[in-house]
Amino acid sequence: MLSCLFLSLLLAVPVQAEDLGNENPLAIDPEMKQFLEAKIEPGRTPMQRLQSLVTAIFFDPDLKFAYAPISRSASETFKNRDGNCLAFTFLFISMARHLNLDARFCEVRMPPMFTKKGEFVILNQHLKPVVFVAGEAYAIDIFPGIIPIGLNGQIVSDKRGFAHFFSNKGVDELGKGNYGLADGYFDKALEMDASTTGVWLNLGTARFRSGKLDEAERYYRKALELNPKNPAAMSNLASLCEMTGKLKEALRLKKKIRQFREKNPYYHFSLGLEAYLQGQYDAALAHYKRAARLNSTDHTFYFEIARMYARLGKKSQTMANLKLAEKYASDPGNKLMYAQKLEILKSMN
């Protein structure tokens, strides 16, 4: 979702949602079916089919899915052999359902992560597939592996998944400067699920970019109505209020944003990541520690603290925080990873 405003205005001819056709991003094509028939042996149990599908997607030389920062439908992802987390999710669910597996969309709760796409700043969200086998839910992420699902996600409908797809396509078109087409995709996303906060945020920024400030404000307020603690919606609305002379509300929102950030462990986590990417390990460590003080049960924080201590050559602190990461990890996959790292450290002189 978009998280900032821009001062230059550009008029765009909107593309109507119906003009985009009836694109089904989950549609499976004959080539995909042929691939599955060749790679997945008939008569296998649901878990065997699931494991074989993961192997086929990530490791089979005829596919070998790789990450790329672009949203694609299932068939487009298969054709190109790459895509982002949304593209992977649509590819996996499409193929899993063809194998008669109960595959669904899962919205993942994760720290707020910001990236740039052209002149736009985007607040990323994460979507992944979940497969139910014999009453158990298994999450499959963009990096290979099958793990029991933890409490960091929410199963959502196909329409919600489609809303994310069309919203992401709209963001891609915004980055290319195709504002009318972006509008069409956002409208299509709202047709799918009008309760998706990110779509209203994206629409607000698109309307702002077209000079329709009243509409932009209305959409930002709608996003806040759906999620009153959304930092991007607060920031966008504050900037718009400042620009349109609503200074008291702008100040109130900015104060609320500061308070929210100070109390939000994931804000400090994102600052830590930024410092880490710049090679500022002491600063990153301080931010990660702040995040852990605000939320003492998130294993991710302790793992990042351990990584920083490892960078700083402090073995005992590294091991102590890996133990905490293992303690608070909710799924066996992460617990095993932390345990293995601890064993490696123990074996080192």
Foldseek 3Di string as FASTA:
>chain_A
DFFAADDAADAAAADALCNVPDDDLLDDDPVLVVLLPVQPDPPDALVSSVVSLLCCLCPNPQANADEDDAFGRLVVCRVVSYYHFLNVQSVSVSSSVVVVWAKFKKWFADFFAWDDQAPTIDTDTHMWMWTADPNWIWTQGPPGDTWGDDPGIDTDHVLQSQLVRLQRVLVNCVSVVNLNSSLNSLVNSCVSPVLDLSSLQSNLNSCVNNVNLVSSLVSLVSSCVSPVLDLSSLNHNLVSCVVVVVPVSSVVSVVVSVVSLQLALSNLQNVLVVCVVVVNLVSSLVSLVSSCVSPVQALVSLQSNLVSCVVVVNLVSNLVSLVSSLVRDGIPVSVVVSVVVNVVSVPDD
